Structures are given as structure tokens and as C-alpha cells.
Amino acid sequence: MMGYTHALSGTAAWLAAVPLVTNEALLGSFAVSLSAEQVVAGAVVCAGAALLPDLDHHDGTIANTYGPITQVLCKVVGAISGGHRHATHSVAFAVGAGYLTDWTATHAVHVWWGILFFVVGLGLRGIGIGFQKSDNLTGLMNALLAGAIVYLMRDVDMRYVGYAVTLGCLAHVVGDCLTPRGCPVFWPVQRSVEIPLISRTNGRTERWVMAPLLTLAITILAVRSALGDEITSLLRS
């Protein structure tokens, strides 16, 4: 699947999961209380995290986000993880990435800001913000916008971010499982899981069915999140 579809799926996954991660009856002490600002920040993080599994792709959206820096990073990760759609496309990676980011947001906030800058840049690149014919200018724009967004989010308590990152990575894995190649979801078991509903990356199904449906879902979920309390009060009255 393409970067824009992954970014949309991450946003939708986060907004859909907000009622679950805030549910004390379901999660007990693992539940979190989220302000409106934290919900928005989580959506931004989840959209970017939905591209993280492609750290193993030497010529994917991530590799072209920040020029030579991300190109080298993706080549290294790809070599370590076994190539594209191997270790990083798994539940183990999603949980590990979530735990790592949660720990840094809680115990090493300055490191977290650097990770947040990187993740936000991925989300911007994924949804297509930039210059089509110039990766250098796109990288510069992404860096400036990501820096501005991180600055705006500097006072947001992000100690719930592990949920957003894990959900984003899982949304990516689920999306890629809908393509013929599938993913080794239960890595290190190498058997791929595939439900090939999308026959070709960036084909008609992805562009004209998946992307519009995800956009509609995001709109509905965002309205529900914004108006949920008001609607609940009206229904009870």
C-alpha cells in the first residue's frame, strides 16, 4: 500500500481506538484519560507511525522523506531486519516501537521530541505534502512543518504515545496483509498472512475505494470524538 493510505489508516485507527484506550472498565490501570489536544496529537503520531514499518524499504516513502539521512537509515534497517516486509512488518515490531516511544516520552522527553519530529515528518510525507519533482525541497518543507508541529505539541503530555505508535504500526501491517505478498505478522515465524483484497499497490482499489473510505471514516470518527460528550448528554436528557 502507498504512504497516503497508510497515513490515513493510522489516523482512522487512532480515532476509532480512543474510546477503548480511555475505558477504565476494559483496561483498568492501563487506561488513559485524554484531553482534546491529546486526541489530536495522538492522531498526528499514529498517522506517522503507520509508515514506520517501511523503515526496511530502501526506496519507500520513509526513505525519501529526509533525503540521504533516511535513505541510509532505511538501507541499514532493511539489512538488519531481513529486507522489505520482514521483521518490521510484525506484531513484535509494533509492540516494541510502542514500548520504546512510550519510555522515551516518559523518561527522556528531549529524545522523544527528536523521535516526534521524525514521525511527524513521515506523516506529512505520507499524505503527500511537498513538491512532486523535488525530494530536496519536499524534505526541507517537511522538516520545517514537522518542527513547527513539534513546537506546538511541546506542552502536550504524551505519556500515552505507546498506544498511538503501536496502533499505527499495526494499521500498516493490516493494510499490507490486504495485498498479495502479505506480511509475516507473527515474526520470527516467517509464514506470511495475506488476504489479497487489493491486487495492486496504488491501483484503482486503493485510490478509489480504500482512500475515500478511510477519509470518510476519519471524518465520522473525528466528529464523534468532538461531539461525543454533547451527543451523549442530549440522548440522556
C-alpha atoms as a PDB file:
ATOM      1  CA  MET A   1       0.000   0.000   0.000  1.00  0.00           C
ATOM      2  CA  MET A   2       1.049   3.603  -0.578  1.00  0.00           C
ATOM      3  CA  GLY A   3       2.163   6.073   2.062  1.00  0.00           C
ATOM      4  CA  TYR A   4      -1.009   8.150   1.898  1.00  0.00           C
ATOM      5  CA  THR A   5      -3.187   5.093   2.533  1.00  0.00           C
ATOM      6  CA  HIS A   6      -1.044   4.049   5.489  1.00  0.00           C
ATOM      7  CA  ALA A   7      -1.199   7.561   6.976  1.00  0.00           C
ATOM      8  CA  LEU A   8      -4.989   7.660   6.597  1.00  0.00           C
ATOM      9  CA  SER A   9      -5.332   4.204   8.133  1.00  0.00           C
ATOM     10  CA  GLY A  10      -3.233   5.245  11.126  1.00  0.00           C
ATOM     11  CA  THR A  11      -5.390   8.310  11.747  1.00  0.00           C
ATOM     12  CA  ALA A  12      -8.588   6.261  11.470  1.00  0.00           C
ATOM     13  CA  ALA A  13      -7.217   3.544  13.760  1.00  0.00           C
ATOM     14  CA  TRP A  14      -6.351   6.049  16.487  1.00  0.00           C
ATOM     15  CA  LEU A  15      -9.693   7.852  16.387  1.00  0.00           C
ATOM     16  CA  ALA A  16     -11.526   4.512  16.451  1.00  0.00           C
ATOM     17  CA  ALA A  17      -9.438   3.302  19.405  1.00  0.00           C
ATOM     18  CA  VAL A  18      -9.807   6.398  21.619  1.00  0.00           C
ATOM     19  CA  PRO A  19     -12.948   5.071  23.388  1.00  0.00           C
ATOM     20  CA  LEU A  20     -11.069   1.829  24.099  1.00  0.00           C
ATOM     21  CA  VAL A  21      -7.795   3.264  25.437  1.00  0.00           C
ATOM     22  CA  THR A  22      -9.760   5.581  27.745  1.00  0.00           C
ATOM     23  CA  ASN A  23     -12.040   2.820  29.048  1.00  0.00           C
ATOM     24  CA  GLU A  24     -11.098   2.014  32.657  1.00  0.00           C
ATOM     25  CA  ALA A  25     -13.584  -0.845  32.839  1.00  0.00           C
ATOM     26  CA  LEU A  26     -11.784  -2.523  29.941  1.00  0.00           C
ATOM     27  CA  LEU A  27      -8.126  -1.646  30.563  1.00  0.00           C
ATOM     28  CA  GLY A  28      -8.064  -0.885  34.271  1.00  0.00           C
ATOM     29  CA  SER A  29      -4.847   0.854  35.280  1.00  0.00           C
ATOM     30  CA  PHE A  30      -3.665   0.784  31.648  1.00  0.00           C
ATOM     31  CA  ALA A  31      -6.456   3.132  30.565  1.00  0.00           C
ATOM     32  CA  VAL A  32      -5.550   6.774  29.945  1.00  0.00           C
ATOM     33  CA  SER A  33      -7.516   9.991  30.211  1.00  0.00           C
ATOM     34  CA  LEU A  34      -7.182  12.101  27.072  1.00  0.00           C
ATOM     35  CA  SER A  35      -7.889  15.771  26.507  1.00  0.00           C
ATOM     36  CA  ALA A  36      -8.971  17.054  23.095  1.00  0.00           C
ATOM     37  CA  GLU A  37      -5.383  18.202  22.462  1.00  0.00           C
ATOM     38  CA  GLN A  38      -4.055  14.747  23.310  1.00  0.00           C
ATOM     39  CA  VAL A  39      -6.536  13.086  20.956  1.00  0.00           C
ATOM     40  CA  VAL A  40      -5.382  15.346  18.095  1.00  0.00           C
ATOM     41  CA  ALA A  41      -1.716  14.804  18.969  1.00  0.00           C
ATOM     42  CA  GLY A  42      -2.293  11.051  19.066  1.00  0.00           C
ATOM     43  CA  ALA A  43      -3.845  11.173  15.594  1.00  0.00           C
ATOM     44  CA  VAL A  44      -0.786  13.020  14.269  1.00  0.00           C
ATOM     45  CA  VAL A  45       1.580  10.493  15.840  1.00  0.00           C
ATOM     46  CA  CYS A  46      -0.454   7.487  14.716  1.00  0.00           C
ATOM     47  CA  ALA A  47      -0.535   8.745  11.113  1.00  0.00           C
ATOM     48  CA  GLY A  48       3.258   9.000  11.075  1.00  0.00           C
ATOM     49  CA  ALA A  49       3.765   5.730  12.946  1.00  0.00           C
ATOM     50  CA  ALA A  50       1.665   3.997  10.298  1.00  0.00           C
ATOM     51  CA  LEU A  51       4.647   4.401   7.985  1.00  0.00           C
ATOM     52  CA  LEU A  52       7.310   3.170  10.424  1.00  0.00           C
ATOM     53  CA  PRO A  53       7.268  -0.494   9.302  1.00  0.00           C
ATOM     54  CA  ASP A  54       8.566   0.694   5.920  1.00  0.00           C
ATOM     55  CA  LEU A  55      11.870   1.593   7.576  1.00  0.00           C
ATOM     56  CA  ASP A  56      13.003  -1.590   5.838  1.00  0.00           C
ATOM     57  CA  HIS A  57      12.250  -0.229   2.339  1.00  0.00           C
ATOM     58  CA  HIS A  58      15.223   1.454   0.641  1.00  0.00           C
ATOM     59  CA  ASP A  59      13.015   3.328  -1.851  1.00  0.00           C
ATOM     60  CA  GLY A  60       9.724   3.825   0.002  1.00  0.00           C
ATOM     61  CA  THR A  61       8.050   6.912   1.422  1.00  0.00           C
ATOM     62  CA  ILE A  62      10.273   6.945   4.508  1.00  0.00           C
ATOM     63  CA  ALA A  63      13.484   6.629   2.510  1.00  0.00           C
ATOM     64  CA  ASN A  64      12.612   9.746   0.535  1.00  0.00           C
ATOM     65  CA  THR A  65      11.393  11.838   3.482  1.00  0.00           C
ATOM     66  CA  TYR A  66      14.656  13.442   4.607  1.00  0.00           C
ATOM     67  CA  GLY A  67      16.961  12.712   1.669  1.00  0.00           C
ATOM     68  CA  PRO A  68      20.260  10.863   2.262  1.00  0.00           C
ATOM     69  CA  ILE A  69      19.641  10.605   6.023  1.00  0.00           C
ATOM     70  CA  THR A  70      16.516   8.488   5.701  1.00  0.00           C
ATOM     71  CA  GLN A  71      17.839   6.658   2.634  1.00  0.00           C
ATOM     72  CA  VAL A  72      20.831   5.391   4.603  1.00  0.00           C
ATOM     73  CA  LEU A  73      18.665   4.645   7.647  1.00  0.00           C
ATOM     74  CA  CYS A  74      16.264   2.536   5.593  1.00  0.00           C
ATOM     75  CA  LYS A  75      19.083   0.611   3.940  1.00  0.00           C
ATOM     76  CA  VAL A  76      20.575  -0.206   7.341  1.00  0.00           C
ATOM     77  CA  VAL A  77      17.241  -1.238   8.861  1.00  0.00           C
ATOM     78  CA  GLY A  78      16.410  -3.308   5.774  1.00  0.00           C
ATOM     79  CA  ALA A  79      19.734  -5.143   6.005  1.00  0.00           C
ATOM     80  CA  ILE A  80      19.276  -5.857   9.719  1.00  0.00           C
ATOM     81  CA  SER A  81      15.609  -6.851   9.537  1.00  0.00           C
ATOM     82  CA  GLY A  82      15.934  -9.175   6.553  1.00  0.00           C
ATOM     83  CA  GLY A  83      14.624  -6.902   3.797  1.00  0.00           C
ATOM     84  CA  HIS A  84      11.289  -5.378   2.950  1.00  0.00           C
ATOM     85  CA  ARG A  85       8.249  -6.886   4.678  1.00  0.00           C
ATOM     86  CA  HIS A  86      10.092  -8.959   7.192  1.00  0.00           C
ATOM     87  CA  ALA A  87      10.739  -8.150  10.873  1.00  0.00           C
ATOM     88  CA  THR A  88       9.365  -4.605  10.827  1.00  0.00           C
ATOM     89  CA  HIS A  89       6.041  -5.807   9.428  1.00  0.00           C
ATOM     90  CA  SER A  90       5.033  -7.731  12.534  1.00  0.00           C
ATOM     91  CA  VAL A  91       3.236  -7.523  15.846  1.00  0.00           C
ATOM     92  CA  ALA A  92       6.595  -7.790  17.621  1.00  0.00           C
ATOM     93  CA  PHE A  93       7.886  -4.640  15.910  1.00  0.00           C
ATOM     94  CA  ALA A  94       4.660  -2.751  16.601  1.00  0.00           C
ATOM     95  CA  VAL A  95       4.765  -3.578  20.312  1.00  0.00           C
ATOM     96  CA  GLY A  96       8.493  -2.863  20.541  1.00  0.00           C
ATOM     97  CA  ALA A  97       8.155   0.502  18.796  1.00  0.00           C
ATOM     98  CA  GLY A  98       5.256   1.415  21.075  1.00  0.00           C
ATOM     99  CA  TYR A  99       7.163   0.494  24.216  1.00  0.00           C
ATOM    100  CA  LEU A 100      10.285   2.376  23.121  1.00  0.00           C
ATOM    101  CA  THR A 101       8.437   5.578  22.274  1.00  0.00           C
ATOM    102  CA  ASP A 102       6.357   5.368  25.453  1.00  0.00           C
ATOM    103  CA  TRP A 103       9.525   5.016  27.530  1.00  0.00           C
ATOM    104  CA  THR A 104      11.257   7.954  25.849  1.00  0.00           C
ATOM    105  CA  ALA A 105       8.171  10.186  26.140  1.00  0.00           C
ATOM    106  CA  THR A 106       8.052   9.367  29.854  1.00  0.00           C
ATOM    107  CA  HIS A 107      11.737   9.267  30.811  1.00  0.00           C
ATOM    108  CA  ALA A 108      13.694  11.071  28.073  1.00  0.00           C
ATOM    109  CA  VAL A 109      11.478  13.837  26.754  1.00  0.00           C
ATOM    110  CA  HIS A 110      14.191  15.522  24.670  1.00  0.00           C
ATOM    111  CA  VAL A 111      14.879  12.241  22.874  1.00  0.00           C
ATOM    112  CA  TRP A 112      11.142  11.909  22.369  1.00  0.00           C
ATOM    113  CA  TRP A 113      10.987  15.312  20.684  1.00  0.00           C
ATOM    114  CA  GLY A 114      13.542  14.074  18.148  1.00  0.00           C
ATOM    115  CA  ILE A 115      11.508  10.919  17.528  1.00  0.00           C
ATOM    116  CA  LEU A 116       8.341  13.005  17.276  1.00  0.00           C
ATOM    117  CA  PHE A 117       9.982  15.258  14.675  1.00  0.00           C
ATOM    118  CA  PHE A 118      10.863  12.188  12.630  1.00  0.00           C
ATOM    119  CA  VAL A 119       7.415  10.582  12.958  1.00  0.00           C
ATOM    120  CA  VAL A 120       5.531  13.782  12.116  1.00  0.00           C
ATOM    121  CA  GLY A 121       7.699  14.218   9.027  1.00  0.00           C
ATOM    122  CA  LEU A 122       6.729  10.720   7.908  1.00  0.00           C
ATOM    123  CA  GLY A 123       3.065  11.545   8.253  1.00  0.00           C
ATOM    124  CA  LEU A 124       3.454  14.732   6.218  1.00  0.00           C
ATOM    125  CA  ARG A 125       5.318  12.875   3.501  1.00  0.00           C
ATOM    126  CA  GLY A 126       2.774  10.077   3.580  1.00  0.00           C
ATOM    127  CA  ILE A 127      -0.205  12.326   2.894  1.00  0.00           C
ATOM    128  CA  GLY A 128       1.653  13.923   0.010  1.00  0.00           C
ATOM    129  CA  ILE A 129       2.679  17.345   1.300  1.00  0.00           C
ATOM    130  CA  GLY A 130       5.631  18.557  -0.738  1.00  0.00           C
ATOM    131  CA  PHE A 131       6.951  19.121  -4.230  1.00  0.00           C
ATOM    132  CA  GLN A 132       6.331  16.287  -6.657  1.00  0.00           C
ATOM    133  CA  LYS A 133       9.522  16.798  -8.682  1.00  0.00           C
ATOM    134  CA  SER A 134      11.947  17.757  -5.921  1.00  0.00           C
ATOM    135  CA  ASP A 135      12.725  15.463  -2.995  1.00  0.00           C
ATOM    136  CA  ASN A 136      15.158  18.031  -1.577  1.00  0.00           C
ATOM    137  CA  LEU A 137      12.555  20.794  -1.397  1.00  0.00           C
ATOM    138  CA  THR A 138       9.988  18.322  -0.064  1.00  0.00           C
ATOM    139  CA  GLY A 139      12.400  17.235   2.649  1.00  0.00           C
ATOM    140  CA  LEU A 140      13.035  20.851   3.603  1.00  0.00           C
ATOM    141  CA  MET A 141       9.318  21.627   3.721  1.00  0.00           C
ATOM    142  CA  ASN A 142       8.622  18.504   5.775  1.00  0.00           C
ATOM    143  CA  ALA A 143      11.380  19.446   8.222  1.00  0.00           C
ATOM    144  CA  LEU A 144      10.046  22.984   8.666  1.00  0.00           C
ATOM    145  CA  LEU A 145       6.442  21.845   9.086  1.00  0.00           C
ATOM    146  CA  ALA A 146       7.410  18.977  11.393  1.00  0.00           C
ATOM    147  CA  GLY A 147       9.451  21.377  13.506  1.00  0.00           C
ATOM    148  CA  ALA A 148       6.500  23.752  13.776  1.00  0.00           C
ATOM    149  CA  ILE A 149       4.125  20.927  14.729  1.00  0.00           C
ATOM    150  CA  VAL A 150       6.520  19.591  17.369  1.00  0.00           C
ATOM    151  CA  TYR A 151       6.790  23.111  18.780  1.00  0.00           C
ATOM    152  CA  LEU A 152       3.001  23.346  19.021  1.00  0.00           C
ATOM    153  CA  MET A 153       2.885  19.945  20.723  1.00  0.00           C
ATOM    154  CA  ARG A 154       5.706  20.716  23.171  1.00  0.00           C
ATOM    155  CA  ASP A 155       3.403  21.120  26.182  1.00  0.00           C
ATOM    156  CA  VAL A 156       1.164  18.125  25.438  1.00  0.00           C
ATOM    157  CA  ASP A 157       1.635  15.249  27.872  1.00  0.00           C
ATOM    158  CA  MET A 158       2.466  12.359  25.529  1.00  0.00           C
ATOM    159  CA  ARG A 159       2.893   9.549  28.031  1.00  0.00           C
ATOM    160  CA  TYR A 160       0.129   7.629  26.276  1.00  0.00           C
ATOM    161  CA  VAL A 161       2.004   7.667  22.970  1.00  0.00           C
ATOM    162  CA  GLY A 162       2.862   3.967  23.050  1.00  0.00           C
ATOM    163  CA  TYR A 163      -0.741   3.182  22.169  1.00  0.00           C
ATOM    164  CA  ALA A 164      -0.657   5.556  19.173  1.00  0.00           C
ATOM    165  CA  VAL A 165       2.624   4.195  17.812  1.00  0.00           C
ATOM    166  CA  THR A 166       1.628   0.550  18.237  1.00  0.00           C
ATOM    167  CA  LEU A 167      -1.746   1.172  16.598  1.00  0.00           C
ATOM    168  CA  GLY A 168      -0.117   2.986  13.695  1.00  0.00           C
ATOM    169  CA  CYS A 169       2.320   0.144  13.057  1.00  0.00           C
ATOM    170  CA  LEU A 170      -0.457  -2.446  13.313  1.00  0.00           C
ATOM    171  CA  ALA A 171      -2.610  -0.448  10.882  1.00  0.00           C
ATOM    172  CA  HIS A 172       0.291  -0.593   8.406  1.00  0.00           C
ATOM    173  CA  VAL A 173       0.669  -4.351   8.845  1.00  0.00           C
ATOM    174  CA  VAL A 174      -3.055  -4.961   8.400  1.00  0.00           C
ATOM    175  CA  GLY A 175      -3.049  -2.822   5.266  1.00  0.00           C
ATOM    176  CA  ASP A 176      -0.141  -4.703   3.729  1.00  0.00           C
ATOM    177  CA  CYS A 177      -1.810  -8.014   4.573  1.00  0.00           C
ATOM    178  CA  LEU A 178      -4.563  -6.969   2.162  1.00  0.00           C
ATOM    179  CA  THR A 179      -2.073  -7.187  -0.716  1.00  0.00           C
ATOM    180  CA  PRO A 180      -0.930 -10.415  -2.416  1.00  0.00           C
ATOM    181  CA  ARG A 181       2.506 -10.501  -0.749  1.00  0.00           C
ATOM    182  CA  GLY A 182       1.158 -10.226   2.789  1.00  0.00           C
ATOM    183  CA  CYS A 183       3.272  -9.818   5.936  1.00  0.00           C
ATOM    184  CA  PRO A 184       4.967 -12.114   8.499  1.00  0.00           C
ATOM    185  CA  VAL A 185       2.597 -10.858  11.199  1.00  0.00           C
ATOM    186  CA  PHE A 186       3.896 -13.313  13.802  1.00  0.00           C
ATOM    187  CA  TRP A 187       7.598 -12.860  13.044  1.00  0.00           C
ATOM    188  CA  PRO A 188      10.030 -14.525  13.769  1.00  0.00           C
ATOM    189  CA  VAL A 189       7.677 -17.111  12.261  1.00  0.00           C
ATOM    190  CA  GLN A 190       8.246 -16.424   8.571  1.00  0.00           C
ATOM    191  CA  ARG A 191       4.852 -17.501   7.244  1.00  0.00           C
ATOM    192  CA  SER A 192       3.077 -14.509   5.693  1.00  0.00           C
ATOM    193  CA  VAL A 193      -0.547 -13.642   6.356  1.00  0.00           C
ATOM    194  CA  GLU A 194      -2.350 -12.396   3.265  1.00  0.00           C
ATOM    195  CA  ILE A 195      -5.941 -11.527   2.419  1.00  0.00           C
ATOM    196  CA  PRO A 196      -5.419 -10.154  -1.120  1.00  0.00           C
ATOM    197  CA  LEU A 197      -8.293  -7.705  -1.452  1.00  0.00           C
ATOM    198  CA  ILE A 198      -6.007  -5.127  -3.104  1.00  0.00           C
ATOM    199  CA  SER A 199      -4.490  -6.603  -6.242  1.00  0.00           C
ATOM    200  CA  ARG A 200      -2.004  -3.811  -6.963  1.00  0.00           C
ATOM    201  CA  THR A 201      -0.317  -1.079  -4.935  1.00  0.00           C
ATOM    202  CA  ASN A 202      -1.654   2.366  -5.899  1.00  0.00           C
ATOM    203  CA  GLY A 203      -4.190   0.695  -8.157  1.00  0.00           C
ATOM    204  CA  ARG A 204      -7.833   1.593  -8.566  1.00  0.00           C
ATOM    205  CA  THR A 205      -8.963  -0.237  -5.447  1.00  0.00           C
ATOM    206  CA  GLU A 206      -6.515   1.630  -3.243  1.00  0.00           C
ATOM    207  CA  ARG A 207      -7.038   5.044  -4.847  1.00  0.00           C
ATOM    208  CA  TRP A 208     -10.775   4.987  -5.470  1.00  0.00           C
ATOM    209  CA  VAL A 209     -12.078   2.680  -2.724  1.00  0.00           C
ATOM    210  CA  MET A 210      -9.668   2.445   0.223  1.00  0.00           C
ATOM    211  CA  ALA A 211      -8.560   6.081   0.380  1.00  0.00           C
ATOM    212  CA  PRO A 212     -12.090   7.569   0.122  1.00  0.00           C
ATOM    213  CA  LEU A 213     -13.457   5.087   2.677  1.00  0.00           C
ATOM    214  CA  LEU A 214     -10.663   5.890   5.130  1.00  0.00           C
ATOM    215  CA  THR A 215     -11.203   9.619   4.621  1.00  0.00           C
ATOM    216  CA  LEU A 216     -14.920   9.192   5.303  1.00  0.00           C
ATOM    217  CA  ALA A 217     -14.183   7.106   8.383  1.00  0.00           C
ATOM    218  CA  ILE A 218     -11.788   9.760   9.715  1.00  0.00           C
ATOM    219  CA  THR A 219     -14.410  12.457   9.216  1.00  0.00           C
ATOM    220  CA  ILE A 220     -17.092  10.473  11.026  1.00  0.00           C
ATOM    221  CA  LEU A 221     -14.772   9.442  13.864  1.00  0.00           C
ATOM    222  CA  ALA A 222     -13.459  12.988  14.281  1.00  0.00           C
ATOM    223  CA  VAL A 223     -16.986  14.363  14.543  1.00  0.00           C
ATOM    224  CA  ARG A 224     -17.873  11.624  17.022  1.00  0.00           C
ATOM    225  CA  SER A 225     -14.807  12.413  19.099  1.00  0.00           C
ATOM    226  CA  ALA A 226     -15.510  16.161  19.054  1.00  0.00           C
ATOM    227  CA  LEU A 227     -19.223  15.900  19.745  1.00  0.00           C
ATOM    228  CA  GLY A 228     -19.372  12.667  21.697  1.00  0.00           C
ATOM    229  CA  ASP A 229     -19.968  14.193  25.111  1.00  0.00           C
ATOM    230  CA  GLU A 230     -22.547  16.651  23.811  1.00  0.00           C
ATOM    231  CA  ILE A 231     -24.442  13.946  21.904  1.00  0.00           C
ATOM    232  CA  THR A 232     -24.386  11.631  24.923  1.00  0.00           C
ATOM    233  CA  SER A 233     -25.787  14.377  27.142  1.00  0.00           C
ATOM    234  CA  LEU A 234     -28.562  15.142  24.663  1.00  0.00           C
ATOM    235  CA  LEU A 235     -29.527  11.494  24.350  1.00  0.00           C
ATOM    236  CA  ARG A 236     -29.655  11.058  28.116  1.00  0.00           C
ATOM    237  CA  SER A 237     -31.795  14.156  28.510  1.00  0.00           C
END
